[in-house]
């Protein structure tokens, strides 16, 4: 079961009592202060694209590159 914001349609929560009983997956990027809850693990990476494993090694730009 997915829950969405009634105003903008953003996904907020995910629940699956069959496979994840008692767990609510909160979309942390939708929180007012998402930096307050940094990730501590990565889950569901079985089908992750190979290049995603090294994303942190790529150059990063605050906005568009010059």
PDB file of N, CA and C in Angstrom:
ATOM      1  N   UNK A   1       0.844  -1.162   0.000  1.00  0.00           N
ATOM      2  CA  UNK A   1       0.000   0.000   0.000  1.00  0.00           C
ATOM      3  C   UNK A   1       0.895   1.232   0.000  1.00  0.00           C
ATOM      4  N   UNK A   2       0.688   2.107  -0.951  1.00  0.00           N
ATOM      5  CA  UNK A   2       1.453   3.345  -1.036  1.00  0.00           C
ATOM      6  C   UNK A   2       0.569   4.518  -0.650  1.00  0.00           C
ATOM      7  N   UNK A   3       1.146   5.470   0.062  1.00  0.00           N
ATOM      8  CA  UNK A   3       0.418   6.672   0.463  1.00  0.00           C
ATOM      9  C   UNK A   3       1.067   7.872  -0.199  1.00  0.00           C
ATOM     10  N   UNK A   4       0.235   8.781  -0.698  1.00  0.00           N
ATOM     11  CA  UNK A   4       0.708   9.936  -1.454  1.00  0.00           C
ATOM     12  C   UNK A   4       0.191  11.229  -0.845  1.00  0.00           C
ATOM     13  N   UNK A   5       0.902  12.320  -1.087  1.00  0.00           N
ATOM     14  CA  UNK A   5       0.468  13.649  -0.668  1.00  0.00           C
ATOM     15  C   UNK A   5      -0.763  14.044  -1.488  1.00  0.00           C
ATOM     16  N   UNK A   6      -1.802  14.478  -0.813  1.00  0.00           N
ATOM     17  CA  UNK A   6      -3.041  14.865  -1.495  1.00  0.00           C
ATOM     18  C   UNK A   6      -2.876  16.145  -2.315  1.00  0.00           C
ATOM     19  N   UNK A   7      -1.864  16.973  -1.979  1.00  0.00           N
ATOM     20  CA  UNK A   7      -1.671  18.238  -2.701  1.00  0.00           C
ATOM     21  C   UNK A   7      -0.794  18.084  -3.936  1.00  0.00           C
ATOM     22  N   UNK A   8       0.347  17.384  -3.803  1.00  0.00           N
ATOM     23  CA  UNK A   8       1.291  17.329  -4.925  1.00  0.00           C
ATOM     24  C   UNK A   8       1.457  15.942  -5.542  1.00  0.00           C
ATOM     25  N   UNK A   9       0.989  14.913  -4.859  1.00  0.00           N
ATOM     26  CA  UNK A   9       1.085  13.565  -5.396  1.00  0.00           C
ATOM     27  C   UNK A   9       2.380  12.835  -5.079  1.00  0.00           C
ATOM     28  N   UNK A  10       3.282  13.456  -4.330  1.00  0.00           N
ATOM     29  CA  UNK A  10       4.543  12.797  -3.975  1.00  0.00           C
ATOM     30  C   UNK A  10       4.280  11.553  -3.132  1.00  0.00           C
ATOM     31  N   UNK A  11       5.051  10.502  -3.382  1.00  0.00           N
ATOM     32  CA  UNK A  11       4.959   9.311  -2.551  1.00  0.00           C
ATOM     33  C   UNK A  11       5.504   9.604  -1.168  1.00  0.00           C
ATOM     34  N   UNK A  12       4.803   9.190  -0.119  1.00  0.00           N
ATOM     35  CA  UNK A  12       5.223   9.474   1.250  1.00  0.00           C
ATOM     36  C   UNK A  12       5.578   8.213   2.032  1.00  0.00           C
ATOM     37  N   UNK A  13       4.737   7.186   1.955  1.00  0.00           N
ATOM     38  CA  UNK A  13       4.925   5.971   2.738  1.00  0.00           C
ATOM     39  C   UNK A  13       4.657   4.749   1.868  1.00  0.00           C
ATOM     40  N   UNK A  14       5.223   3.617   2.313  1.00  0.00           N
ATOM     41  CA  UNK A  14       4.954   2.332   1.664  1.00  0.00           C
ATOM     42  C   UNK A  14       4.795   1.291   2.760  1.00  0.00           C
ATOM     43  N   UNK A  15       3.759   0.467   2.661  1.00  0.00           N
ATOM     44  CA  UNK A  15       3.527  -0.622   3.609  1.00  0.00           C
ATOM     45  C   UNK A  15       3.230  -1.900   2.835  1.00  0.00           C
ATOM     46  N   UNK A  16       3.753  -3.022   3.336  1.00  0.00           N
ATOM     47  CA  UNK A  16       3.456  -4.325   2.745  1.00  0.00           C
ATOM     48  C   UNK A  16       3.410  -5.341   3.890  1.00  0.00           C
ATOM     49  N   UNK A  17       2.217  -5.542   4.442  1.00  0.00           N
ATOM     50  CA  UNK A  17       2.057  -6.434   5.596  1.00  0.00           C
ATOM     51  C   UNK A  17       2.426  -7.882   5.279  1.00  0.00           C
ATOM     52  N   UNK A  18       2.361  -8.295   4.028  1.00  0.00           N
ATOM     53  CA  UNK A  18       2.699  -9.671   3.670  1.00  0.00           C
ATOM     54  C   UNK A  18       4.193  -9.928   3.799  1.00  0.00           C
ATOM     55  N   UNK A  19       5.004  -9.035   3.246  1.00  0.00           N
ATOM     56  CA  UNK A  19       6.454  -9.247   3.221  1.00  0.00           C
ATOM     57  C   UNK A  19       7.207  -8.450   4.273  1.00  0.00           C
ATOM     58  N   UNK A  20       6.629  -7.341   4.742  1.00  0.00           N
ATOM     59  CA  UNK A  20       7.288  -6.491   5.737  1.00  0.00           C
ATOM     60  C   UNK A  20       6.314  -6.159   6.870  1.00  0.00           C
ATOM     61  N   UNK A  21       5.855  -7.165   7.597  1.00  0.00           N
ATOM     62  CA  UNK A  21       4.856  -6.905   8.634  1.00  0.00           C
ATOM     63  C   UNK A  21       5.368  -5.926   9.687  1.00  0.00           C
ATOM     64  N   UNK A  22       4.539  -4.931   9.991  1.00  0.00           N
ATOM     65  CA  UNK A  22       4.878  -3.958  11.030  1.00  0.00           C
ATOM     66  C   UNK A  22       5.853  -2.882  10.608  1.00  0.00           C
ATOM     67  N   UNK A  23       6.253  -2.856   9.330  1.00  0.00           N
ATOM     68  CA  UNK A  23       7.235  -1.876   8.861  1.00  0.00           C
ATOM     69  C   UNK A  23       6.556  -0.868   7.952  1.00  0.00           C
ATOM     70  N   UNK A  24       6.876   0.400   8.161  1.00  0.00           N
ATOM     71  CA  UNK A  24       6.425   1.474   7.281  1.00  0.00           C
ATOM     72  C   UNK A  24       7.669   2.096   6.675  1.00  0.00           C
ATOM     73  N   UNK A  25       7.778   2.069   5.355  1.00  0.00           N
ATOM     74  CA  UNK A  25       8.900   2.674   4.635  1.00  0.00           C
ATOM     75  C   UNK A  25       8.545   4.135   4.380  1.00  0.00           C
ATOM     76  N   UNK A  26       9.269   5.044   5.039  1.00  0.00           N
ATOM     77  CA  UNK A  26       9.033   6.478   4.885  1.00  0.00           C
ATOM     78  C   UNK A  26      10.003   7.009   3.835  1.00  0.00           C
ATOM     79  N   UNK A  27       9.490   7.738   2.858  1.00  0.00           N
ATOM     80  CA  UNK A  27      10.334   8.348   1.826  1.00  0.00           C
ATOM     81  C   UNK A  27      11.043   9.544   2.453  1.00  0.00           C
ATOM     82  N   UNK A  28      12.285   9.355   2.887  1.00  0.00           N
ATOM     83  CA  UNK A  28      12.984  10.364   3.682  1.00  0.00           C
ATOM     84  C   UNK A  28      13.191  11.679   2.952  1.00  0.00           C
ATOM     85  N   UNK A  29      13.277  11.668   1.640  1.00  0.00           N
ATOM     86  CA  UNK A  29      13.475  12.922   0.902  1.00  0.00           C
ATOM     87  C   UNK A  29      12.273  13.845   1.026  1.00  0.00           C
ATOM     88  N   UNK A  30      11.122  13.324   1.467  1.00  0.00           N
ATOM     89  CA  UNK A  30       9.929  14.153   1.622  1.00  0.00           C
ATOM     90  C   UNK A  30       9.843  14.800   2.999  1.00  0.00           C
ATOM     91  N   UNK A  31      10.746  14.469   3.905  1.00  0.00           N
ATOM     92  CA  UNK A  31      10.728  15.053   5.251  1.00  0.00           C
ATOM     93  C   UNK A  31      11.204  16.505   5.213  1.00  0.00           C
ATOM     94  N   UNK A  32      10.820  17.283   6.216  1.00  0.00           N
ATOM     95  CA  UNK A  32      11.261  18.674   6.307  1.00  0.00           C
ATOM     96  C   UNK A  32      12.770  18.770   6.513  1.00  0.00           C
ATOM     97  N   UNK A  33      13.360  17.809   7.228  1.00  0.00           N
ATOM     98  CA  UNK A  33      14.806  17.816   7.490  1.00  0.00           C
ATOM     99  C   UNK A  33      15.385  16.430   7.180  1.00  0.00           C
ATOM    100  N   UNK A  34      15.457  16.041   5.902  1.00  0.00           N
ATOM    101  CA  UNK A  34      15.932  14.699   5.570  1.00  0.00           C
ATOM    102  C   UNK A  34      17.375  14.423   5.986  1.00  0.00           C
ATOM    103  N   UNK A  35      18.203  15.466   6.121  1.00  0.00           N
ATOM    104  CA  UNK A  35      19.587  15.251   6.562  1.00  0.00           C
ATOM    105  C   UNK A  35      19.663  14.753   8.000  1.00  0.00           C
ATOM    106  N   UNK A  36      18.579  14.907   8.759  1.00  0.00           N
ATOM    107  CA  UNK A  36      18.555  14.456  10.150  1.00  0.00           C
ATOM    108  C   UNK A  36      18.527  12.928  10.253  1.00  0.00           C
ATOM    109  N   UNK A  37      18.200  12.246   9.152  1.00  0.00           N
ATOM    110  CA  UNK A  37      18.114  10.782   9.158  1.00  0.00           C
ATOM    111  C   UNK A  37      18.952  10.188   8.034  1.00  0.00           C
ATOM    112  N   UNK A  38      20.290  10.227   8.163  1.00  0.00           N
ATOM    113  CA  UNK A  38      21.123   9.666   7.096  1.00  0.00           C
ATOM    114  C   UNK A  38      20.955   8.147   7.014  1.00  0.00           C
ATOM    115  N   UNK A  39      21.127   7.579   5.816  1.00  0.00           N
ATOM    116  CA  UNK A  39      20.980   6.127   5.678  1.00  0.00           C
ATOM    117  C   UNK A  39      22.076   5.380   6.425  1.00  0.00           C
ATOM    118  N   UNK A  40      21.740   4.200   6.903  1.00  0.00           N
ATOM    119  CA  UNK A  40      22.725   3.359   7.591  1.00  0.00           C
ATOM    120  C   UNK A  40      22.932   2.034   6.885  1.00  0.00           C
ATOM    121  N   UNK A  41      22.043   1.679   5.959  1.00  0.00           N
ATOM    122  CA  UNK A  41      22.165   0.453   5.176  1.00  0.00           C
ATOM    123  C   UNK A  41      21.564   0.687   3.794  1.00  0.00           C
ATOM    124  N   UNK A  42      21.874  -0.206   2.872  1.00  0.00           N
ATOM    125  CA  UNK A  42      21.236  -0.232   1.555  1.00  0.00           C
ATOM    126  C   UNK A  42      20.509  -1.563   1.453  1.00  0.00           C
ATOM    127  N   UNK A  43      19.249  -1.510   1.018  1.00  0.00           N
ATOM    128  CA  UNK A  43      18.478  -2.737   0.883  1.00  0.00           C
ATOM    129  C   UNK A  43      17.928  -2.833  -0.535  1.00  0.00           C
ATOM    130  N   UNK A  44      17.498  -4.009  -0.909  1.00  0.00           N
ATOM    131  CA  UNK A  44      16.902  -4.264  -2.216  1.00  0.00           C
ATOM    132  C   UNK A  44      17.854  -3.879  -3.357  1.00  0.00           C
ATOM    133  N   UNK A  45      19.120  -4.275  -3.247  1.00  0.00           N
ATOM    134  CA  UNK A  45      20.115  -3.931  -4.265  1.00  0.00           C
ATOM    135  C   UNK A  45      20.350  -5.063  -5.274  1.00  0.00           C
ATOM    136  N   UNK A  46      19.568  -6.113  -5.205  1.00  0.00           N
ATOM    137  CA  UNK A  46      19.773  -7.268  -6.081  1.00  0.00           C
ATOM    138  C   UNK A  46      19.717  -6.899  -7.556  1.00  0.00           C
ATOM    139  N   UNK A  47      18.832  -5.991  -7.935  1.00  0.00           N
ATOM    140  CA  UNK A  47      18.715  -5.594  -9.340  1.00  0.00           C
ATOM    141  C   UNK A  47      19.311  -4.218  -9.612  1.00  0.00           C
ATOM    142  N   UNK A  48      20.128  -3.714  -8.695  1.00  0.00           N
ATOM    143  CA  UNK A  48      20.738  -2.396  -8.877  1.00  0.00           C
ATOM    144  C   UNK A  48      21.591  -2.391 -10.144  1.00  0.00           C
ATOM    145  N   UNK A  49      21.504  -1.318 -10.892  1.00  0.00           N
ATOM    146  CA  UNK A  49      22.353  -1.165 -12.070  1.00  0.00           C
ATOM    147  C   UNK A  49      23.814  -1.146 -11.637  1.00  0.00           C
ATOM    148  N   UNK A  50      24.678  -1.774 -12.420  1.00  0.00           N
ATOM    149  CA  UNK A  50      26.085  -1.894 -12.064  1.00  0.00           C
ATOM    150  C   UNK A  50      26.770  -0.568 -11.763  1.00  0.00           C
ATOM    151  N   UNK A  51      26.442   0.470 -12.548  1.00  0.00           N
ATOM    152  CA  UNK A  51      27.119   1.751 -12.351  1.00  0.00           C
ATOM    153  C   UNK A  51      26.655   2.487 -11.093  1.00  0.00           C
ATOM    154  N   UNK A  52      25.532   2.103 -10.510  1.00  0.00           N
ATOM    155  CA  UNK A  52      25.058   2.754  -9.284  1.00  0.00           C
ATOM    156  C   UNK A  52      25.994   2.489  -8.105  1.00  0.00           C
ATOM    157  N   UNK A  53      26.718   1.411  -8.152  1.00  0.00           N
ATOM    158  CA  UNK A  53      27.614   1.030  -7.065  1.00  0.00           C
ATOM    159  C   UNK A  53      28.731   2.057  -6.864  1.00  0.00           C
ATOM    160  N   UNK A  54      29.048   2.848  -7.897  1.00  0.00           N
ATOM    161  CA  UNK A  54      30.174   3.788  -7.818  1.00  0.00           C
ATOM    162  C   UNK A  54      29.743   5.243  -7.969  1.00  0.00           C
ATOM    163  N   UNK A  55      28.476   5.545  -7.750  1.00  0.00           N
ATOM    164  CA  UNK A  55      27.970   6.913  -7.930  1.00  0.00           C
ATOM    165  C   UNK A  55      28.741   7.939  -7.103  1.00  0.00           C
ATOM    166  N   UNK A  56      29.132   7.580  -5.879  1.00  0.00           N
ATOM    167  CA  UNK A  56      29.817   8.533  -5.004  1.00  0.00           C
ATOM    168  C   UNK A  56      31.195   8.921  -5.538  1.00  0.00           C
ATOM    169  N   UNK A  57      31.734   8.182  -6.501  1.00  0.00           N
ATOM    170  CA  UNK A  57      33.053   8.481  -7.062  1.00  0.00           C
ATOM    171  C   UNK A  57      32.984   9.470  -8.233  1.00  0.00           C
ATOM    172  N   UNK A  58      31.791   9.750  -8.741  1.00  0.00           N
ATOM    173  CA  UNK A  58      31.637  10.663  -9.879  1.00  0.00           C
ATOM    174  C   UNK A  58      31.740  12.116  -9.435  1.00  0.00           C
ATOM    175  N   UNK A  59      32.196  12.996 -10.337  1.00  0.00           N
ATOM    176  CA  UNK A  59      32.206  14.418 -10.008  1.00  0.00           C
ATOM    177  C   UNK A  59      30.788  14.886  -9.661  1.00  0.00           C
ATOM    178  N   UNK A  60      30.690  15.822  -8.732  1.00  0.00           N
ATOM    179  CA  UNK A  60      29.390  16.340  -8.304  1.00  0.00           C
ATOM    180  C   UNK A  60      29.373  17.849  -8.467  1.00  0.00           C
ATOM    181  N   UNK A  61      28.236  18.383  -8.877  1.00  0.00           N
ATOM    182  CA  UNK A  61      28.057  19.829  -9.078  1.00  0.00           C
ATOM    183  C   UNK A  61      26.861  20.284  -8.268  1.00  0.00           C
ATOM    184  N   UNK A  62      26.981  21.421  -7.600  1.00  0.00           N
ATOM    185  CA  UNK A  62      25.879  21.977  -6.836  1.00  0.00           C
ATOM    186  C   UNK A  62      24.701  22.296  -7.742  1.00  0.00           C
ATOM    187  N   UNK A  63      25.003  22.827  -8.913  1.00  0.00           N
ATOM    188  CA  UNK A  63      24.002  23.122  -9.941  1.00  0.00           C
ATOM    189  C   UNK A  63      24.533  22.535 -11.243  1.00  0.00           C
ATOM    190  N   UNK A  64      24.134  23.090 -12.391  1.00  0.00           N
ATOM    191  CA  UNK A  64      24.635  22.601 -13.662  1.00  0.00           C
ATOM    192  C   UNK A  64      26.131  22.928 -13.810  1.00  0.00           C
ATOM    193  N   UNK A  65      26.909  22.032 -14.433  1.00  0.00           N
ATOM    194  CA  UNK A  65      28.328  22.334 -14.636  1.00  0.00           C
ATOM    195  C   UNK A  65      28.516  23.481 -15.621  1.00  0.00           C
ATOM    196  N   UNK A  66      29.628  24.182 -15.466  1.00  0.00           N
ATOM    197  CA  UNK A  66      29.938  25.303 -16.374  1.00  0.00           C
ATOM    198  C   UNK A  66      30.198  24.822 -17.781  1.00  0.00           C
TER     199      UNK A  66
END
